[in-house]
Amino acid sequence: MINNISTGIDIVSINRIQEILNSSKRERFLKKVFSLNEINDAKSKENEAQFFSGRFAAKEAIRKATSTKEYSSELSFKSIEVFNYKSGKPGVNLKNYSNIDISISHDGNYAVAFCVLQ
């Protein structure tokens, strides 16, 4: 029997993120939501809007999965860092959580992320 599993899912319009990135809100958005490592990782990507959309969806999914935990309200977007292992699979750096599995996918104008927290 498996106990204490939480899940979260989120979907993001890539066009919505692209509009923010092309606006005067770009720097504020990036600084509020993403770590320096995530911002630097985006520089090597062909489609930064798709990259940031996936990361944003992942952070929202993680926040939803942790919403039943006692300190979840303290989670800011920047406290959640999404990275990629050498294999390409996404991983998560998040203080006080070690058992997080995340999956990110893109199709057309949407990015989706699913999180399982044990």
N, C-alpha and C. Protein backbone atom coordinates (compact mmCIF):
# COMPACT_ATOMS: atom_id res chain seq x y z
N MET A 1 0.83 -1.18 0.00
CA MET A 1 0.00 0.00 0.00
C MET A 1 0.89 1.25 0.00
N ILE A 2 0.55 2.19 -0.84
CA ILE A 2 1.31 3.44 -0.93
C ILE A 2 0.54 4.53 -0.21
N ASN A 3 1.23 5.24 0.68
CA ASN A 3 0.59 6.31 1.45
C ASN A 3 1.17 7.66 1.08
N ASN A 4 0.39 8.69 1.35
CA ASN A 4 0.85 10.07 1.22
C ASN A 4 1.37 10.44 -0.16
N ILE A 5 0.67 10.08 -1.19
CA ILE A 5 1.04 10.51 -2.53
C ILE A 5 0.13 11.68 -2.91
N SER A 6 0.75 12.73 -3.41
CA SER A 6 0.01 13.89 -3.90
C SER A 6 0.36 14.11 -5.36
N THR A 7 -0.59 14.62 -6.11
CA THR A 7 -0.33 14.90 -7.53
C THR A 7 -0.73 16.34 -7.84
N GLY A 8 -0.17 16.84 -8.91
CA GLY A 8 -0.54 18.16 -9.42
C GLY A 8 -0.35 18.18 -10.92
N ILE A 9 -1.17 18.93 -11.61
CA ILE A 9 -1.06 19.05 -13.06
C ILE A 9 -1.37 20.49 -13.45
N ASP A 10 -0.73 20.96 -14.50
CA ASP A 10 -1.00 22.31 -14.99
C ASP A 10 -0.76 22.37 -16.49
N ILE A 11 -1.50 23.23 -17.15
CA ILE A 11 -1.35 23.46 -18.58
C ILE A 11 -1.20 24.96 -18.81
N VAL A 12 -0.32 25.33 -19.72
CA VAL A 12 -0.02 26.74 -19.98
C VAL A 12 -0.05 27.00 -21.48
N SER A 13 -0.63 28.12 -21.86
CA SER A 13 -0.60 28.56 -23.25
C SER A 13 0.78 29.15 -23.55
N ILE A 14 1.46 28.59 -24.52
CA ILE A 14 2.78 29.10 -24.89
C ILE A 14 2.66 30.52 -25.44
N ASN A 15 1.58 30.82 -26.16
CA ASN A 15 1.37 32.18 -26.67
C ASN A 15 1.27 33.20 -25.54
N ARG A 16 0.64 32.82 -24.45
CA ARG A 16 0.51 33.72 -23.30
C ARG A 16 1.89 34.06 -22.72
N ILE A 17 2.74 33.07 -22.60
CA ILE A 17 4.10 33.30 -22.09
C ILE A 17 4.90 34.11 -23.11
N GLN A 18 4.72 33.83 -24.39
CA GLN A 18 5.42 34.59 -25.43
C GLN A 18 5.05 36.07 -25.36
N GLU A 19 3.79 36.37 -25.13
CA GLU A 19 3.35 37.76 -25.00
C GLU A 19 4.04 38.45 -23.83
N ILE A 20 4.17 37.76 -22.71
CA ILE A 20 4.86 38.33 -21.55
C ILE A 20 6.33 38.56 -21.88
N LEU A 21 6.96 37.59 -22.53
CA LEU A 21 8.39 37.70 -22.85
C LEU A 21 8.66 38.84 -23.84
N ASN A 22 7.68 39.16 -24.66
CA ASN A 22 7.83 40.24 -25.65
C ASN A 22 7.39 41.59 -25.10
N SER A 23 6.99 41.65 -23.85
CA SER A 23 6.45 42.88 -23.29
C SER A 23 7.43 43.52 -22.30
N SER A 24 7.02 44.63 -21.78
CA SER A 24 7.84 45.32 -20.77
C SER A 24 7.83 44.57 -19.43
N LYS A 25 6.98 43.56 -19.29
CA LYS A 25 6.90 42.75 -18.07
C LYS A 25 7.92 41.62 -18.04
N ARG A 26 8.68 41.44 -19.11
CA ARG A 26 9.60 40.32 -19.27
C ARG A 26 10.54 40.16 -18.07
N GLU A 27 11.32 41.17 -17.76
CA GLU A 27 12.34 41.05 -16.70
C GLU A 27 11.71 40.79 -15.34
N ARG A 28 10.62 41.47 -15.04
CA ARG A 28 9.94 41.25 -13.77
C ARG A 28 9.42 39.82 -13.66
N PHE A 29 8.82 39.33 -14.74
CA PHE A 29 8.31 37.96 -14.78
C PHE A 29 9.45 36.96 -14.57
N LEU A 30 10.54 37.11 -15.31
CA LEU A 30 11.65 36.18 -15.20
C LEU A 30 12.24 36.18 -13.80
N LYS A 31 12.44 37.36 -13.23
CA LYS A 31 13.03 37.47 -11.89
C LYS A 31 12.12 36.92 -10.80
N LYS A 32 10.82 37.06 -10.98
CA LYS A 32 9.86 36.61 -9.97
C LYS A 32 9.66 35.09 -9.99
N VAL A 33 9.75 34.50 -11.19
CA VAL A 33 9.35 33.10 -11.35
C VAL A 33 10.53 32.13 -11.47
N PHE A 34 11.62 32.53 -12.10
CA PHE A 34 12.67 31.58 -12.47
C PHE A 34 13.99 31.86 -11.77
N SER A 35 14.73 30.79 -11.50
CA SER A 35 16.06 30.91 -10.91
C SER A 35 17.04 31.36 -11.99
N LEU A 36 18.19 31.81 -11.59
CA LEU A 36 19.23 32.20 -12.53
C LEU A 36 19.64 31.01 -13.40
N ASN A 37 19.70 29.83 -12.83
CA ASN A 37 20.03 28.63 -13.61
C ASN A 37 18.99 28.37 -14.69
N GLU A 38 17.71 28.53 -14.36
CA GLU A 38 16.65 28.31 -15.35
C GLU A 38 16.73 29.35 -16.47
N ILE A 39 16.98 30.59 -16.10
CA ILE A 39 17.09 31.66 -17.11
C ILE A 39 18.28 31.39 -18.02
N ASN A 40 19.40 30.95 -17.44
CA ASN A 40 20.57 30.62 -18.26
C ASN A 40 20.33 29.41 -19.15
N ASP A 41 19.60 28.41 -18.64
CA ASP A 41 19.28 27.23 -19.46
C ASP A 41 18.44 27.61 -20.67
N ALA A 42 17.59 28.60 -20.52
CA ALA A 42 16.71 29.01 -21.63
C ALA A 42 17.51 29.59 -22.79
N LYS A 43 18.67 30.14 -22.51
CA LYS A 43 19.49 30.77 -23.56
C LYS A 43 19.96 29.76 -24.60
N SER A 44 20.06 28.51 -24.22
CA SER A 44 20.51 27.49 -25.17
C SER A 44 19.35 26.82 -25.91
N LYS A 45 18.15 27.26 -25.65
CA LYS A 45 16.97 26.64 -26.27
C LYS A 45 16.54 27.42 -27.50
N GLU A 46 16.04 26.70 -28.48
CA GLU A 46 15.58 27.32 -29.72
C GLU A 46 14.31 28.14 -29.50
N ASN A 47 13.44 27.66 -28.62
CA ASN A 47 12.16 28.32 -28.39
C ASN A 47 12.01 28.63 -26.90
N GLU A 48 12.43 29.84 -26.51
CA GLU A 48 12.41 30.18 -25.08
C GLU A 48 11.00 30.23 -24.52
N ALA A 49 10.02 30.63 -25.30
CA ALA A 49 8.64 30.68 -24.81
C ALA A 49 8.15 29.27 -24.46
N GLN A 50 8.48 28.30 -25.29
CA GLN A 50 8.11 26.91 -25.02
C GLN A 50 8.82 26.41 -23.76
N PHE A 51 10.10 26.72 -23.63
CA PHE A 51 10.89 26.32 -22.47
C PHE A 51 10.30 26.90 -21.18
N PHE A 52 10.09 28.22 -21.16
CA PHE A 52 9.57 28.86 -19.96
C PHE A 52 8.13 28.42 -19.66
N SER A 53 7.35 28.13 -20.68
CA SER A 53 5.99 27.64 -20.48
C SER A 53 6.00 26.29 -19.77
N GLY A 54 6.88 25.41 -20.19
CA GLY A 54 6.99 24.10 -19.55
C GLY A 54 7.44 24.22 -18.11
N ARG A 55 8.40 25.09 -17.87
CA ARG A 55 8.90 25.30 -16.51
C ARG A 55 7.82 25.93 -15.62
N PHE A 56 7.07 26.88 -16.18
CA PHE A 56 6.00 27.52 -15.41
C PHE A 56 4.93 26.49 -15.05
N ALA A 57 4.53 25.66 -16.03
CA ALA A 57 3.54 24.61 -15.77
C ALA A 57 4.04 23.65 -14.70
N ALA A 58 5.33 23.32 -14.76
CA ALA A 58 5.91 22.41 -13.76
C ALA A 58 5.83 23.01 -12.36
N LYS A 59 6.16 24.29 -12.24
CA LYS A 59 6.12 24.95 -10.93
C LYS A 59 4.69 25.00 -10.39
N GLU A 60 3.74 25.26 -11.26
CA GLU A 60 2.33 25.27 -10.83
C GLU A 60 1.90 23.86 -10.40
N ALA A 61 2.29 22.84 -11.15
CA ALA A 61 1.93 21.46 -10.80
C ALA A 61 2.54 21.08 -9.45
N ILE A 62 3.78 21.50 -9.21
CA ILE A 62 4.44 21.21 -7.94
C ILE A 62 3.73 21.92 -6.79
N ARG A 63 3.36 23.17 -7.02
CA ARG A 63 2.64 23.90 -5.97
C ARG A 63 1.31 23.22 -5.65
N LYS A 64 0.63 22.70 -6.66
CA LYS A 64 -0.62 21.98 -6.43
C LYS A 64 -0.38 20.69 -5.67
N ALA A 65 0.66 19.95 -6.03
CA ALA A 65 0.96 18.69 -5.35
C ALA A 65 1.34 18.91 -3.89
N THR A 66 1.95 20.04 -3.59
CA THR A 66 2.37 20.32 -2.21
C THR A 66 1.31 21.07 -1.43
N SER A 67 0.17 21.35 -2.02
CA SER A 67 -0.84 22.19 -1.37
C SER A 67 -1.43 21.57 -0.12
N THR A 68 -1.28 20.27 0.05
CA THR A 68 -1.81 19.63 1.26
C THR A 68 -0.77 19.56 2.37
N LYS A 69 0.43 19.97 2.08
CA LYS A 69 1.50 19.93 3.08
C LYS A 69 1.46 21.19 3.93
N GLU A 70 1.95 21.12 5.15
CA GLU A 70 1.83 22.22 6.10
C GLU A 70 2.55 23.49 5.69
N TYR A 71 3.66 23.43 4.95
CA TYR A 71 4.37 24.64 4.59
C TYR A 71 4.25 24.99 3.12
N SER A 72 3.26 24.46 2.44
CA SER A 72 3.10 24.70 1.01
C SER A 72 2.83 26.16 0.69
N SER A 73 2.17 26.88 1.60
CA SER A 73 1.84 28.28 1.33
C SER A 73 3.10 29.15 1.25
N GLU A 74 4.21 28.63 1.76
CA GLU A 74 5.46 29.37 1.74
C GLU A 74 6.20 29.21 0.42
N LEU A 75 5.74 28.33 -0.46
CA LEU A 75 6.45 28.07 -1.70
C LEU A 75 6.26 29.19 -2.71
N SER A 76 7.35 29.85 -3.02
CA SER A 76 7.31 30.83 -4.11
C SER A 76 7.75 30.11 -5.38
N PHE A 77 7.46 30.70 -6.51
CA PHE A 77 7.89 30.10 -7.77
C PHE A 77 9.41 29.93 -7.80
N LYS A 78 10.13 30.94 -7.30
CA LYS A 78 11.59 30.88 -7.34
C LYS A 78 12.17 29.83 -6.40
N SER A 79 11.42 29.43 -5.38
CA SER A 79 11.93 28.40 -4.47
C SER A 79 11.91 27.02 -5.12
N ILE A 80 11.24 26.90 -6.24
CA ILE A 80 11.16 25.65 -6.99
C ILE A 80 12.05 25.79 -8.22
N GLU A 81 13.07 24.96 -8.31
CA GLU A 81 13.95 25.02 -9.48
C GLU A 81 13.82 23.73 -10.27
N VAL A 82 13.49 23.87 -11.55
CA VAL A 82 13.36 22.72 -12.44
C VAL A 82 14.62 22.66 -13.31
N PHE A 83 15.17 21.48 -13.43
CA PHE A 83 16.38 21.28 -14.22
C PHE A 83 16.22 20.01 -15.04
N ASN A 84 17.20 19.71 -15.86
CA ASN A 84 17.19 18.47 -16.62
C ASN A 84 18.40 17.63 -16.25
N TYR A 85 18.15 16.34 -16.04
CA TYR A 85 19.24 15.40 -15.88
C TYR A 85 19.92 15.24 -17.24
N LYS A 86 21.07 14.60 -17.27
CA LYS A 86 21.78 14.37 -18.54
C LYS A 86 20.92 13.61 -19.53
N SER A 87 20.05 12.77 -19.02
CA SER A 87 19.16 11.97 -19.88
C SER A 87 18.08 12.83 -20.55
N GLY A 88 17.89 14.05 -20.03
CA GLY A 88 16.84 14.93 -20.54
C GLY A 88 15.61 14.98 -19.65
N LYS A 89 15.47 13.99 -18.77
CA LYS A 89 14.32 13.97 -17.86
C LYS A 89 14.38 15.15 -16.90
N PRO A 90 13.27 15.83 -16.69
CA PRO A 90 13.27 16.95 -15.75
C PRO A 90 13.34 16.48 -14.30
N GLY A 91 14.00 17.29 -13.50
CA GLY A 91 14.10 17.05 -12.07
C GLY A 91 13.77 18.32 -11.32
N VAL A 92 13.69 18.23 -10.01
CA VAL A 92 13.27 19.38 -9.19
C VAL A 92 14.21 19.54 -8.00
N ASN A 93 14.64 20.77 -7.78
CA ASN A 93 15.32 21.14 -6.54
C ASN A 93 14.32 21.94 -5.72
N LEU A 94 14.00 21.40 -4.54
CA LEU A 94 13.06 22.07 -3.66
C LEU A 94 13.36 21.69 -2.22
N LYS A 95 13.67 22.69 -1.43
CA LYS A 95 14.02 22.47 -0.02
C LYS A 95 12.88 21.73 0.69
N ASN A 96 13.23 20.78 1.52
CA ASN A 96 12.31 19.99 2.33
C ASN A 96 11.55 18.91 1.54
N TYR A 97 11.80 18.79 0.25
CA TYR A 97 11.15 17.76 -0.56
C TYR A 97 12.22 17.02 -1.34
N SER A 98 12.24 15.71 -1.23
CA SER A 98 13.23 14.94 -1.97
C SER A 98 12.59 13.93 -2.92
N ASN A 99 11.33 13.66 -2.73
CA ASN A 99 10.67 12.63 -3.53
C ASN A 99 9.65 13.24 -4.49
N ILE A 100 10.15 14.03 -5.44
CA ILE A 100 9.27 14.68 -6.42
C ILE A 100 9.60 14.14 -7.80
N ASP A 101 8.57 13.72 -8.52
CA ASP A 101 8.75 13.30 -9.91
C ASP A 101 7.92 14.25 -10.77
N ILE A 102 8.54 14.75 -11.83
CA ILE A 102 7.86 15.72 -12.70
C ILE A 102 8.01 15.29 -14.16
N SER A 103 6.98 15.53 -14.93
CA SER A 103 7.02 15.28 -16.36
C SER A 103 6.47 16.53 -17.06
N ILE A 104 7.15 16.95 -18.13
CA ILE A 104 6.75 18.13 -18.89
C ILE A 104 6.59 17.72 -20.35
N SER A 105 5.55 18.22 -20.99
CA SER A 105 5.34 17.93 -22.39
C SER A 105 4.81 19.17 -23.10
N HIS A 106 5.08 19.24 -24.41
CA HIS A 106 4.62 20.37 -25.23
C HIS A 106 3.92 19.81 -26.46
N ASP A 107 2.85 20.47 -26.87
CA ASP A 107 2.18 20.12 -28.13
C ASP A 107 1.46 21.35 -28.63
N GLY A 108 1.76 21.72 -29.85
CA GLY A 108 1.11 22.90 -30.42
C GLY A 108 1.40 24.11 -29.57
N ASN A 109 0.35 24.78 -29.13
CA ASN A 109 0.47 26.01 -28.36
C ASN A 109 0.40 25.78 -26.85
N TYR A 110 0.59 24.54 -26.40
CA TYR A 110 0.42 24.26 -24.98
C TYR A 110 1.61 23.50 -24.40
N ALA A 111 1.87 23.79 -23.15
CA ALA A 111 2.83 23.04 -22.34
C ALA A 111 2.06 22.50 -21.15
N VAL A 112 2.34 21.26 -20.79
CA VAL A 112 1.66 20.64 -19.66
C VAL A 112 2.71 19.99 -18.77
N ALA A 113 2.44 19.98 -17.48
CA ALA A 113 3.33 19.31 -16.53
C ALA A 113 2.50 18.54 -15.53
N PHE A 114 3.04 17.40 -15.13
CA PHE A 114 2.40 16.54 -14.13
C PHE A 114 3.41 16.22 -13.06
N CYS A 115 3.00 16.33 -11.81
CA CYS A 115 3.89 16.13 -10.67
C CYS A 115 3.32 15.06 -9.74
N VAL A 116 4.20 14.18 -9.28
CA VAL A 116 3.86 13.20 -8.25
C VAL A 116 4.82 13.44 -7.09
N LEU A 117 4.26 13.59 -5.91
CA LEU A 117 5.03 13.84 -4.69
C LEU A 117 4.74 12.73 -3.70
N GLN A 118 5.80 12.12 -3.18
CA GLN A 118 5.62 11.03 -2.24
C GLN A 118 6.04 11.46 -0.86
